[in-house]
C-alpha atoms as a PDB file:
ATOM      1  CA  MET A   1     126.602  68.783 104.590  1.00  0.00           C
ATOM      2  CA  THR A   2     126.000  70.250 101.396  1.00  0.00           C
ATOM      3  CA  THR A   3     128.539  69.156  98.063  1.00  0.00           C
ATOM      4  CA  PHE A   4     129.465  71.407  95.828  1.00  0.00           C
ATOM      5  CA  GLY A   5     127.735  69.132  93.189  1.00  0.00           C
ATOM      6  CA  GLU A   6     124.640  69.579  95.139  1.00  0.00           C
ATOM      7  CA  VAL A   7     124.936  73.685  95.398  1.00  0.00           C
ATOM      8  CA  VAL A   8     126.066  73.361  90.771  1.00  0.00           C
ATOM      9  CA  LEU A   9     122.738  71.192  90.831  1.00  0.00           C
ATOM     10  CA  ARG A  10     119.884  73.737  93.346  1.00  0.00           C
ATOM     11  CA  SER A  11     121.882  76.649  91.296  1.00  0.00           C
ATOM     12  CA  LEU A  12     121.049  75.577  88.013  1.00  0.00           C
ATOM     13  CA  CYS A  13     117.136  75.106  88.903  1.00  0.00           C
ATOM     14  CA  VAL A  14     117.450  78.509  90.215  1.00  0.00           C
ATOM     15  CA  LEU A  15     118.588  80.087  86.979  1.00  0.00           C
ATOM     16  CA  ILE A  16     116.300  77.575  84.514  1.00  0.00           C
ATOM     17  CA  GLY A  17     113.340  78.740  86.488  1.00  0.00           C
ATOM     18  CA  PHE A  18     114.581  82.112  86.473  1.00  0.00           C
ATOM     19  CA  LEU A  19     114.896  82.068  82.759  1.00  0.00           C
ATOM     20  CA  VAL A  20     111.766  80.250  82.078  1.00  0.00           C
ATOM     21  CA  LEU A  21     108.856  81.516  84.253  1.00  0.00           C
ATOM     22  CA  PRO A  22     109.208  85.236  83.260  1.00  0.00           C
ATOM     23  CA  LEU A  23     108.615  83.741  79.587  1.00  0.00           C
ATOM     24  CA  LEU A  24     105.604  82.352  80.747  1.00  0.00           C
ATOM     25  CA  VAL A  25     103.963  84.977  82.722  1.00  0.00           C
ATOM     26  CA  GLY A  26     104.708  87.513  79.539  1.00  0.00           C
ATOM     27  CA  GLN A  27     103.658  85.147  77.248  1.00  0.00           C
ATOM     28  CA  THR A  28     100.513  84.935  79.741  1.00  0.00           C
ATOM     29  CA  GLU A  29      99.900  88.538  79.841  1.00  0.00           C
ATOM     30  CA  HIS A  30     100.177  88.966  76.115  1.00  0.00           C
ATOM     31  CA  LYS A  31      97.480  85.959  75.694  1.00  0.00           C
ATOM     32  CA  LEU A  32      95.269  87.408  78.507  1.00  0.00           C
ATOM     33  CA  MET A  33      94.996  91.258  77.344  1.00  0.00           C
ATOM     34  CA  ALA A  34      94.470  90.205  74.002  1.00  0.00           C
ATOM     35  CA  HIS A  35      91.460  88.177  74.095  1.00  0.00           C
ATOM     36  CA  MET A  36      90.302  91.042  77.058  1.00  0.00           C
ATOM     37  CA  GLN A  37      90.604  93.680  74.528  1.00  0.00           C
ATOM     38  CA  GLY A  38      88.875  91.797  71.513  1.00  0.00           C
ATOM     39  CA  ARG A  39      92.547  91.709  69.535  1.00  0.00           C
ATOM     40  CA  LEU A  40      94.539  88.510  68.228  1.00  0.00           C
ATOM     41  CA  GLY A  41      97.979  89.940  69.095  1.00  0.00           C
ATOM     42  CA  PRO A  42     101.225  87.856  67.701  1.00  0.00           C
ATOM     43  CA  MET A  43     100.504  84.324  66.267  1.00  0.00           C
ATOM     44  CA  TYR A  44     102.848  83.246  64.405  1.00  0.00           C
ATOM     45  CA  ALA A  45     106.314  83.036  66.228  1.00  0.00           C
ATOM     46  CA  GLY A  46     106.732  79.696  66.733  1.00  0.00           C
ATOM     47  CA  GLY A  47     103.318  78.547  65.763  1.00  0.00           C
ATOM     48  CA  PHE A  48     101.172  77.679  67.988  1.00  0.00           C
ATOM     49  CA  HIS A  49      98.893  80.595  69.540  1.00  0.00           C
ATOM     50  CA  GLY A  50     102.528  82.605  68.483  1.00  0.00           C
ATOM     51  CA  TRP A  51     104.355  80.939  71.829  1.00  0.00           C
ATOM     52  CA  ALA A  52     108.109  82.079  70.706  1.00  0.00           C
ATOM     53  CA  GLN A  53     107.137  85.403  70.746  1.00  0.00           C
ATOM     54  CA  LEU A  54     108.939  87.275  73.762  1.00  0.00           C
ATOM     55  CA  VAL A  55     111.730  84.319  72.268  1.00  0.00           C
ATOM     56  CA  ALA A  56     111.625  86.468  69.260  1.00  0.00           C
ATOM     57  CA  ASP A  57     111.252  89.780  71.194  1.00  0.00           C
ATOM     58  CA  GLY A  58     115.152  88.545  73.301  1.00  0.00           C
ATOM     59  CA  VAL A  59     116.646  87.850  69.634  1.00  0.00           C
ATOM     60  CA  LYS A  60     116.324  91.635  68.403  1.00  0.00           C
ATOM     61  CA  PHE A  61     116.467  93.483  71.798  1.00  0.00           C
ATOM     62  CA  THR A  62     120.179  90.965  71.742  1.00  0.00           C
ATOM     63  CA  GLN A  63     120.881  92.881  68.174  1.00  0.00           C
ATOM     64  CA  LYS A  64     120.144  96.197  68.680  1.00  0.00           C
ATOM     65  CA  GLU A  65     122.882  99.004  69.064  1.00  0.00           C
ATOM     66  CA  ASP A  66     123.892  99.904  72.978  1.00  0.00           C
ATOM     67  CA  ILE A  67     123.561 103.686  73.280  1.00  0.00           C
ATOM     68  CA  VAL A  68     124.876 105.246  76.388  1.00  0.00           C
ATOM     69  CA  PRO A  69     124.553 108.864  76.856  1.00  0.00           C
ATOM     70  CA  LEU A  70     127.769 111.702  76.633  1.00  0.00           C
ATOM     71  CA  ALA A  71     126.060 113.201  79.893  1.00  0.00           C
ATOM     72  CA  ALA A  72     125.114 109.825  82.068  1.00  0.00           C
ATOM     73  CA  ASP A  73     127.163 108.796  84.735  1.00  0.00           C
ATOM     74  CA  LYS A  74     128.284 105.858  82.653  1.00  0.00           C
ATOM     75  CA  PRO A  75     129.738 103.013  85.566  1.00  0.00           C
ATOM     76  CA  VAL A  76     126.261 103.255  87.297  1.00  0.00           C
ATOM     77  CA  PHE A  77     124.143 103.781  83.978  1.00  0.00           C
ATOM     78  CA  ARG A  78     125.630 100.241  82.794  1.00  0.00           C
ATOM     79  CA  LEU A  79     125.666  98.940  86.205  1.00  0.00           C
ATOM     80  CA  ALA A  80     121.464 100.000  86.742  1.00  0.00           C
ATOM     81  CA  PRO A  81     119.493  97.023  84.753  1.00  0.00           C
ATOM     82  CA  ALA A  82     122.022  94.131  86.623  1.00  0.00           C
ATOM     83  CA  LEU A  83     120.394  94.987  89.910  1.00  0.00           C
ATOM     84  CA  GLY A  84     116.751  93.812  89.117  1.00  0.00           C
ATOM     85  CA  ILE A  85     117.653  90.699  87.569  1.00  0.00           C
ATOM     86  CA  VAL A  86     121.003  90.243  90.673  1.00  0.00           C
ATOM     87  CA  SER A  87     117.834  90.932  93.084  1.00  0.00           C
ATOM     88  CA  TYR A  88     115.423  88.335  91.928  1.00  0.00           C
ATOM     89  CA  LEU A  89     117.170  85.459  91.197  1.00  0.00           C
ATOM     90  CA  LEU A  90     118.435  86.119  95.205  1.00  0.00           C
ATOM     91  CA  ALA A  91     114.708  86.395  96.413  1.00  0.00           C
ATOM     92  CA  LEU A  92     113.800  83.360  93.981  1.00  0.00           C
ATOM     93  CA  ALA A  93     116.754  80.839  95.267  1.00  0.00           C
ATOM     94  CA  VAL A  94     115.016  81.040  98.781  1.00  0.00           C
ATOM     95  CA  ILE A  95     111.524  80.141  97.527  1.00  0.00           C
ATOM     96  CA  PRO A  96     110.169  76.760  98.633  1.00  0.00           C
ATOM     97  CA  PHE A  97     108.353  73.707  96.165  1.00  0.00           C
ATOM     98  CA  GLY A  98     108.489  71.841  98.999  1.00  0.00           C
ATOM     99  CA  PRO A  99     109.496  70.953 102.551  1.00  0.00           C
ATOM    100  CA  HIS A 100     112.920  70.064 101.829  1.00  0.00           C
ATOM    101  CA  LEU A 101     112.970  71.395  98.016  1.00  0.00           C
ATOM    102  CA  VAL A 102     114.337  74.867  98.134  1.00  0.00           C
ATOM    103  CA  ALA A 103     117.965  75.950  96.730  1.00  0.00           C
ATOM    104  CA  ALA A 104     119.032  78.275  99.731  1.00  0.00           C
ATOM    105  CA  GLY A 105     116.784  76.792 102.806  1.00  0.00           C
ATOM    106  CA  ILE A 106     118.264  79.896 105.455  1.00  0.00           C
ATOM    107  CA  THR A 107     116.740  80.342 108.581  1.00  0.00           C
ATOM    108  CA  GLY A 108     115.342  84.180 108.122  1.00  0.00           C
ATOM    109  CA  SER A 109     113.839  83.374 104.397  1.00  0.00           C
ATOM    110  CA  LEU A 110     110.932  85.646 104.861  1.00  0.00           C
ATOM    111  CA  LEU A 111     113.641  88.828 105.617  1.00  0.00           C
ATOM    112  CA  TRP A 112     115.561  87.898 102.869  1.00  0.00           C
ATOM    113  CA  VAL A 113     113.249  87.760 100.165  1.00  0.00           C
ATOM    114  CA  LEU A 114     112.003  92.009 101.216  1.00  0.00           C
ATOM    115  CA  ALA A 115     115.451  92.995 101.477  1.00  0.00           C
ATOM    116  CA  VAL A 116     117.009  91.626  98.742  1.00  0.00           C
ATOM    117  CA  GLY A 117     113.431  92.579  96.910  1.00  0.00           C
ATOM    118  CA  ALA A 118     113.706  96.157  97.438  1.00  0.00           C
ATOM    119  CA  ILE A 119     117.105  96.702  95.588  1.00  0.00           C
ATOM    120  CA  GLY A 120     115.339  96.698  92.230  1.00  0.00           C
ATOM    121  CA  THR A 121     114.157  99.676  92.567  1.00  0.00           C
ATOM    122  CA  VAL A 122     117.061 101.051  93.763  1.00  0.00           C
ATOM    123  CA  GLY A 123     118.821 100.345  90.289  1.00  0.00           C
ATOM    124  CA  THR A 124     115.386 102.342  89.484  1.00  0.00           C
ATOM    125  CA  LEU A 125     116.575 105.000  90.883  1.00  0.00           C
ATOM    126  CA  MET A 126     120.205 104.684  89.725  1.00  0.00           C
ATOM    127  CA  ALA A 127     118.725 104.061  86.272  1.00  0.00           C
ATOM    128  CA  GLY A 128     116.657 107.483  86.510  1.00  0.00           C
ATOM    129  CA  TRP A 129     119.584 109.615  88.393  1.00  0.00           C
ATOM    130  CA  SER A 130     122.616 108.388  86.285  1.00  0.00           C
ATOM    131  CA  SER A 131     121.029 108.970  82.825  1.00  0.00           C
ATOM    132  CA  GLY A 132     121.597 112.775  82.380  1.00  0.00           C
ATOM    133  CA  ASN A 133     118.176 112.953  81.164  1.00  0.00           C
ATOM    134  CA  LYS A 134     115.032 115.157  83.562  1.00  0.00           C
ATOM    135  CA  TYR A 135     112.467 112.552  82.369  1.00  0.00           C
ATOM    136  CA  ALA A 136     114.662 109.666  83.770  1.00  0.00           C
ATOM    137  CA  LEU A 137     115.088 111.664  87.193  1.00  0.00           C
ATOM    138  CA  ILE A 138     112.011 112.737  87.331  1.00  0.00           C
ATOM    139  CA  GLY A 139     111.430 108.943  87.084  1.00  0.00           C
ATOM    140  CA  GLY A 140     113.841 107.701  88.980  1.00  0.00           C
ATOM    141  CA  LEU A 141     112.856 110.302  92.152  1.00  0.00           C
ATOM    142  CA  ARG A 142     109.143 109.208  91.690  1.00  0.00           C
ATOM    143  CA  SER A 143     110.577 105.503  92.218  1.00  0.00           C
ATOM    144  CA  ALA A 144     112.012 106.272  95.322  1.00  0.00           C
ATOM    145  CA  ALA A 145     108.848 107.807  96.195  1.00  0.00           C
ATOM    146  CA  GLN A 146     107.238 104.651  95.635  1.00  0.00           C
ATOM    147  CA  LEU A 147     109.770 102.505  97.041  1.00  0.00           C
ATOM    148  CA  VAL A 148     109.355 104.489 100.879  1.00  0.00           C
ATOM    149  CA  SER A 149     106.050 104.569 100.515  1.00  0.00           C
ATOM    150  CA  TYR A 150     105.371 101.006  99.931  1.00  0.00           C
ATOM    151  CA  GLU A 151     107.994  99.103 101.775  1.00  0.00           C
ATOM    152  CA  VAL A 152     106.347  99.584 104.775  1.00  0.00           C
ATOM    153  CA  PRO A 153     102.940  97.970 104.539  1.00  0.00           C
ATOM    154  CA  LEU A 154     104.521  95.292 102.830  1.00  0.00           C
ATOM    155  CA  ILE A 155     107.158  94.695 105.637  1.00  0.00           C
ATOM    156  CA  LEU A 156     103.789  95.000 107.682  1.00  0.00           C
ATOM    157  CA  ALA A 157     101.782  92.508 106.409  1.00  0.00           C
ATOM    158  CA  GLY A 158     105.043  89.677 105.678  1.00  0.00           C
ATOM    159  CA  ALA A 159     105.304  90.649 109.400  1.00  0.00           C
ATOM    160  CA  SER A 160     101.612  89.498 110.180  1.00  0.00           C
ATOM    161  CA  PHE A 161     102.424  86.397 108.369  1.00  0.00           C
ATOM    162  CA  ALA A 162     105.723  85.726 110.504  1.00  0.00           C
ATOM    163  CA  MET A 163     103.682  86.684 113.685  1.00  0.00           C
ATOM    164  CA  ALA A 164     100.955  83.572 112.708  1.00  0.00           C
ATOM    165  CA  ALA A 165     103.788  81.099 112.063  1.00  0.00           C
ATOM    166  CA  GLY A 166     105.952  81.858 114.628  1.00  0.00           C
ATOM    167  CA  SER A 167     108.940  81.696 112.725  1.00  0.00           C
ATOM    168  CA  PHE A 168     110.748  84.605 109.552  1.00  0.00           C
ATOM    169  CA  SER A 169     111.360  81.130 107.498  1.00  0.00           C
ATOM    170  CA  LEU A 170     109.524  80.343 104.544  1.00  0.00           C
ATOM    171  CA  VAL A 171     109.173  76.669 104.966  1.00  0.00           C
ATOM    172  CA  SER A 172     107.617  76.747 108.503  1.00  0.00           C
ATOM    173  CA  ILE A 173     105.814  79.466 107.536  1.00  0.00           C
ATOM    174  CA  ALA A 174     103.867  76.876 104.876  1.00  0.00           C
ATOM    175  CA  HIS A 175     103.934  74.080 107.642  1.00  0.00           C
ATOM    176  CA  ALA A 176     101.857  76.223 110.078  1.00  0.00           C
ATOM    177  CA  TRP A 177      99.298  77.045 107.125  1.00  0.00           C
ATOM    178  CA  THR A 178      95.623  76.079 107.890  1.00  0.00           C
ATOM    179  CA  PRO A 179      93.099  76.894 106.085  1.00  0.00           C
ATOM    180  CA  TRP A 180      91.975  79.042 108.711  1.00  0.00           C
ATOM    181  CA  TRP A 181      94.377  81.751 107.516  1.00  0.00           C
ATOM    182  CA  LEU A 182      92.158  81.990 104.346  1.00  0.00           C
ATOM    183  CA  LEU A 183      90.265  84.091 106.003  1.00  0.00           C
ATOM    184  CA  TRP A 184      92.515  85.267 109.458  1.00  0.00           C
ATOM    185  CA  GLN A 185      95.529  86.740 106.783  1.00  0.00           C
ATOM    186  CA  LEU A 186      92.920  87.959 104.214  1.00  0.00           C
ATOM    187  CA  PRO A 187      93.450  91.591 104.930  1.00  0.00           C
ATOM    188  CA  GLY A 188      97.177  91.484 104.875  1.00  0.00           C
ATOM    189  CA  ALA A 189      97.411  89.034 101.823  1.00  0.00           C
ATOM    190  CA  ILE A 190      95.551  92.229  99.846  1.00  0.00           C
ATOM    191  CA  VAL A 191      97.911  94.518 101.130  1.00  0.00           C
ATOM    192  CA  PHE A 192     101.063  92.131 100.315  1.00  0.00           C
ATOM    193  CA  LEU A 193      99.672  91.877  96.885  1.00  0.00           C
ATOM    194  CA  VAL A 194      98.468  95.409  96.286  1.00  0.00           C
ATOM    195  CA  ALA A 195     102.180  96.587  97.884  1.00  0.00           C
ATOM    196  CA  GLY A 196     103.754  94.401  96.009  1.00  0.00           C
ATOM    197  CA  THR A 197     102.407  94.931  92.670  1.00  0.00           C
ATOM    198  CA  ALA A 198     103.260  99.004  93.463  1.00  0.00           C
ATOM    199  CA  GLU A 199     106.950  98.173  94.189  1.00  0.00           C
ATOM    200  CA  LEU A 200     107.391  96.159  90.456  1.00  0.00           C
ATOM    201  CA  GLN A 201     105.928  99.468  89.722  1.00  0.00           C
ATOM    202  CA  ARG A 202     103.602  97.290  87.613  1.00  0.00           C
ATOM    203  CA  PRO A 203      99.797  99.412  86.123  1.00  0.00           C
ATOM    204  CA  PRO A 204      98.351 100.988  88.500  1.00  0.00           C
ATOM    205  CA  PHE A 205     100.710 102.077  90.299  1.00  0.00           C
ATOM    206  CA  ASP A 206     103.523 102.956  86.770  1.00  0.00           C
ATOM    207  CA  MET A 207     104.022 105.783  87.828  1.00  0.00           C
ATOM    208  CA  PRO A 208     107.855 106.176  87.350  1.00  0.00           C
ATOM    209  CA  VAL A 209     108.176 104.773  83.493  1.00  0.00           C
ATOM    210  CA  ALA A 210     104.663 106.668  82.456  1.00  0.00           C
ATOM    211  CA  ASP A 211     105.022 106.893  78.819  1.00  0.00           C
ATOM    212  CA  SER A 212     102.175 109.498  78.497  1.00  0.00           C
ATOM    213  CA  GLU A 213     103.937 111.798  81.416  1.00  0.00           C
ATOM    214  CA  VAL A 214     107.764 111.150  81.239  1.00  0.00           C
ATOM    215  CA  VAL A 215     108.354 109.576  77.870  1.00  0.00           C
ATOM    216  CA  MET A 216     109.417 106.137  80.153  1.00  0.00           C
ATOM    217  CA  GLY A 217     111.463 107.592  82.934  1.00  0.00           C
ATOM    218  CA  PRO A 218     114.583 106.067  84.204  1.00  0.00           C
ATOM    219  CA  TRP A 219     114.396 104.008  81.034  1.00  0.00           C
ATOM    220  CA  THR A 220     114.587 106.437  78.746  1.00  0.00           C
ATOM    221  CA  GLU A 221     117.560 106.980  77.718  1.00  0.00           C
ATOM    222  CA  TYR A 222     118.289 102.950  77.611  1.00  0.00           C
ATOM    223  CA  THR A 223     118.541 100.492  74.271  1.00  0.00           C
ATOM    224  CA  GLY A 224     118.925  97.006  73.568  1.00  0.00           C
ATOM    225  CA  LEU A 225     119.767  94.242  75.848  1.00  0.00           C
ATOM    226  CA  ARG A 226     119.791  96.664  78.688  1.00  0.00           C
ATOM    227  CA  PHE A 227     116.690  97.907  78.383  1.00  0.00           C
ATOM    228  CA  ALA A 228     115.572  94.110  77.833  1.00  0.00           C
ATOM    229  CA  LEU A 229     117.148  93.323  81.407  1.00  0.00           C
ATOM    230  CA  PHE A 230     114.249  96.127  82.564  1.00  0.00           C
ATOM    231  CA  LEU A 231     111.389  94.232  81.100  1.00  0.00           C
ATOM    232  CA  LEU A 232     113.128  90.851  82.252  1.00  0.00           C
ATOM    233  CA  ALA A 233     113.145  92.137  85.605  1.00  0.00           C
ATOM    234  CA  GLU A 234     109.395  93.645  85.971  1.00  0.00           C
ATOM    235  CA  TYR A 235     108.561  90.040  85.351  1.00  0.00           C
ATOM    236  CA  ALA A 236     110.685  88.070  87.215  1.00  0.00           C
ATOM    237  CA  GLY A 237     109.384  90.559  90.156  1.00  0.00           C
ATOM    238  CA  ILE A 238     105.834  89.076  88.876  1.00  0.00           C
ATOM    239  CA  VAL A 239     106.791  85.406  89.375  1.00  0.00           C
ATOM    240  CA  VAL A 240     108.445  86.467  93.016  1.00  0.00           C
ATOM    241  CA  VAL A 241     105.905  88.378  94.315  1.00  0.00           C
ATOM    242  CA  SER A 242     103.475  85.678  93.222  1.00  0.00           C
ATOM    243  CA  LEU A 243     105.333  82.105  94.220  1.00  0.00           C
ATOM    244  CA  LEU A 244     105.756  83.927  97.828  1.00  0.00           C
ATOM    245  CA  LEU A 245     102.478  84.628  98.509  1.00  0.00           C
ATOM    246  CA  ALA A 246     101.066  80.990  97.693  1.00  0.00           C
ATOM    247  CA  VAL A 247     104.091  79.967 100.042  1.00  0.00           C
ATOM    248  CA  LEU A 248     102.310  82.801 102.530  1.00  0.00           C
ATOM    249  CA  TYR A 249      98.882  82.624 102.167  1.00  0.00           C
ATOM    250  CA  LEU A 250      97.939  79.907 100.651  1.00  0.00           C
ATOM    251  CA  GLY A 251     100.490  77.154 102.725  1.00  0.00           C
ATOM    252  CA  GLY A 252     102.830  76.559  99.897  1.00  0.00           C
ATOM    253  CA  TRP A 253     103.098  72.903  98.434  1.00  0.00           C
ATOM    254  CA  THR A 254      99.708  72.403 100.568  1.00  0.00           C
ATOM    255  CA  GLY A 255      97.350  70.448  98.475  1.00  0.00           C
ATOM    256  CA  PRO A 256      95.954  66.596  97.680  1.00  0.00           C
ATOM    257  CA  PHE A 257      99.232  64.078  96.555  1.00  0.00           C
ATOM    258  CA  ASP A 258     101.051  67.158  98.065  1.00  0.00           C
ATOM    259  CA  HIS A 259     104.339  64.630  98.625  1.00  0.00           C
ATOM    260  CA  GLN A 260     103.941  63.664  95.168  1.00  0.00           C
ATOM    261  CA  ILE A 261     102.692  67.041  93.736  1.00  0.00           C
ATOM    262  CA  GLY A 262     104.042  69.833  95.532  1.00  0.00           C
ATOM    263  CA  PRO A 263     105.867  71.755  93.574  1.00  0.00           C
ATOM    264  CA  PHE A 264     102.811  71.696  91.468  1.00  0.00           C
ATOM    265  CA  TRP A 265     101.313  73.118  93.581  1.00  0.00           C
ATOM    266  CA  VAL A 266     103.281  76.159  93.855  1.00  0.00           C
ATOM    267  CA  LEU A 267     103.209  77.032  90.797  1.00  0.00           C
ATOM    268  CA  LEU A 268      99.852  76.743  90.460  1.00  0.00           C
ATOM    269  CA  LYS A 269      98.839  79.086  93.253  1.00  0.00           C
ATOM    270  CA  GLY A 270     101.800  81.555  92.176  1.00  0.00           C
ATOM    271  CA  PHE A 271     100.629  81.458  88.645  1.00  0.00           C
ATOM    272  CA  PHE A 272      97.234  82.111  90.327  1.00  0.00           C
ATOM    273  CA  PHE A 273      98.393  85.225  91.481  1.00  0.00           C
ATOM    274  CA  ALA A 274      99.892  86.218  88.792  1.00  0.00           C
ATOM    275  CA  VAL A 275      96.908  86.466  86.659  1.00  0.00           C
ATOM    276  CA  ILE A 276      95.423  88.814  89.214  1.00  0.00           C
ATOM    277  CA  ILE A 277      98.679  90.929  89.090  1.00  0.00           C
ATOM    278  CA  LEU A 278      98.349  90.693  85.006  1.00  0.00           C
ATOM    279  CA  TRP A 279      94.470  91.626  85.551  1.00  0.00           C
ATOM    280  CA  MET A 280      94.945  94.993  87.671  1.00  0.00           C
ATOM    281  CA  ARG A 281      97.126  96.574  84.613  1.00  0.00           C
ATOM    282  CA  MET A 282      93.793  95.844  82.015  1.00  0.00           C
ATOM    283  CA  SER A 283      91.480  96.744  84.934  1.00  0.00           C
ATOM    284  CA  TRP A 284      92.784  99.747  86.185  1.00  0.00           C
ATOM    285  CA  PRO A 285      93.789 103.228  84.916  1.00  0.00           C
ATOM    286  CA  ARG A 286      96.988 105.160  86.557  1.00  0.00           C
ATOM    287  CA  LEU A 287      97.184 106.478  89.944  1.00  0.00           C
ATOM    288  CA  ARG A 288      97.830 109.851  89.871  1.00  0.00           C
ATOM    289  CA  GLU A 289     101.138 110.859  92.612  1.00  0.00           C
ATOM    290  CA  ASP A 290      98.915 111.910  95.362  1.00  0.00           C
ATOM    291  CA  GLN A 291      96.536 108.784  94.927  1.00  0.00           C
ATOM    292  CA  LEU A 292      99.389 106.407  94.790  1.00  0.00           C
ATOM    293  CA  GLN A 293     100.425 108.432  98.843  1.00  0.00           C
ATOM    294  CA  ARG A 294      97.207 108.029  99.780  1.00  0.00           C
ATOM    295  CA  VAL A 295      96.443 104.469  98.891  1.00  0.00           C
ATOM    296  CA  ALA A 296      99.476 103.243 100.722  1.00  0.00           C
ATOM    297  CA  TRP A 297      99.679 105.465 104.173  1.00  0.00           C
ATOM    298  CA  LEU A 298      96.252 105.796 104.081  1.00  0.00           C
ATOM    299  CA  GLY A 299      94.852 102.411 102.590  1.00  0.00           C
ATOM    300  CA  LEU A 300      97.115  99.875 102.961  1.00  0.00           C
ATOM    301  CA  VAL A 301      99.377 101.028 106.466  1.00  0.00           C
ATOM    302  CA  PRO A 302      96.107 101.046 109.017  1.00  0.00           C
ATOM    303  CA  LEU A 303      95.042  97.895 107.019  1.00  0.00           C
ATOM    304  CA  ALA A 304      98.369  96.020 107.411  1.00  0.00           C
ATOM    305  CA  LEU A 305      98.291  97.325 111.033  1.00  0.00           C
ATOM    306  CA  LEU A 306      94.820  95.795 111.689  1.00  0.00           C
ATOM    307  CA  GLN A 307      96.081  92.526 110.257  1.00  0.00           C
ATOM    308  CA  ILE A 308      98.810  92.573 112.933  1.00  0.00           C
ATOM    309  CA  VAL A 309      96.204  93.314 115.953  1.00  0.00           C
ATOM    310  CA  LEU A 310      94.062  89.986 114.491  1.00  0.00           C
ATOM    311  CA  THR A 311      97.448  87.813 113.983  1.00  0.00           C
ATOM    312  CA  ALA A 312      98.623  89.142 117.522  1.00  0.00           C
ATOM    313  CA  ALA A 313      94.586  88.410 119.308  1.00  0.00           C
ATOM    314  CA  GLY A 314      94.336  84.983 117.051  1.00  0.00           C
ATOM    315  CA  VAL A 315      98.356  83.592 118.238  1.00  0.00           C
ATOM    316  CA  VAL A 316      97.503  84.311 122.417  1.00  0.00           C
ATOM    317  CA  LEU A 317      93.969  83.229 121.566  1.00  0.00           C
ATOM    318  CA  THR A 318      95.426  79.376 120.533  1.00  0.00           C
ATOM    319  CA  THR A 319      98.407  78.800 122.208  1.00  0.00           C
END
């Protein structure tokens, strides 16, 4: 029986991780991009390599004026930024860092993550529709089309991992993991990584917020803290997708001395996938809308279906 004190402690741990890990990913992106593009970037805030620059940016956003357009649907406009934050916070709560180290151990945790993770994209659609701006509306419609397209391969890839483990529980999937998965589930991992990146609307799948085409899409009319919430949700989404891949594809806490440093392995494996997502931004140009749909329906969906066939064959042959 979980006591009230344990619930509070677990909630605080999730909240601290939710506030710290996205900042680490953001700082990594700034420094990685600076090195790849041959420029220093911010170096003074906080001292060592400008480690406090994102904190300074957060303080700056809180001091800016909060503007709501006259033509906006004000309740929806104000609510939209919070959806992304809440969705990824709920998703992070069920990701295990050890066999017994999970904030909310529910049976269908994989289904939970896939379900609540899509709410953030709905928030982007709400922001575009409610802003009363044509560029924001176009960006919101692009976001909706992207959600519909990439949710299908994402769910199919997740179903492959669930079939391989015989469970929808992330803890059970990590327990069922073997090194053979590195080859057996590789197509599913690729599909999950690409589709997850597209769900986050990260480059090269950032058509909904393409500044050269639709200003900033659904974010065009947002200022101050609400704009910062969209940025925080983006980095939080990277954390969730990376940790989820670490559990599904790399066995989560499995590694040398995993009884002592299991959470370290989850974070290290998640950081590996986070760097790949960041690298994609710096290496690939933005896709066109037709290319976006082609990648989803002609590339990822057939590959995900092939992975399900391979998984089914492997399950039959090994049972």
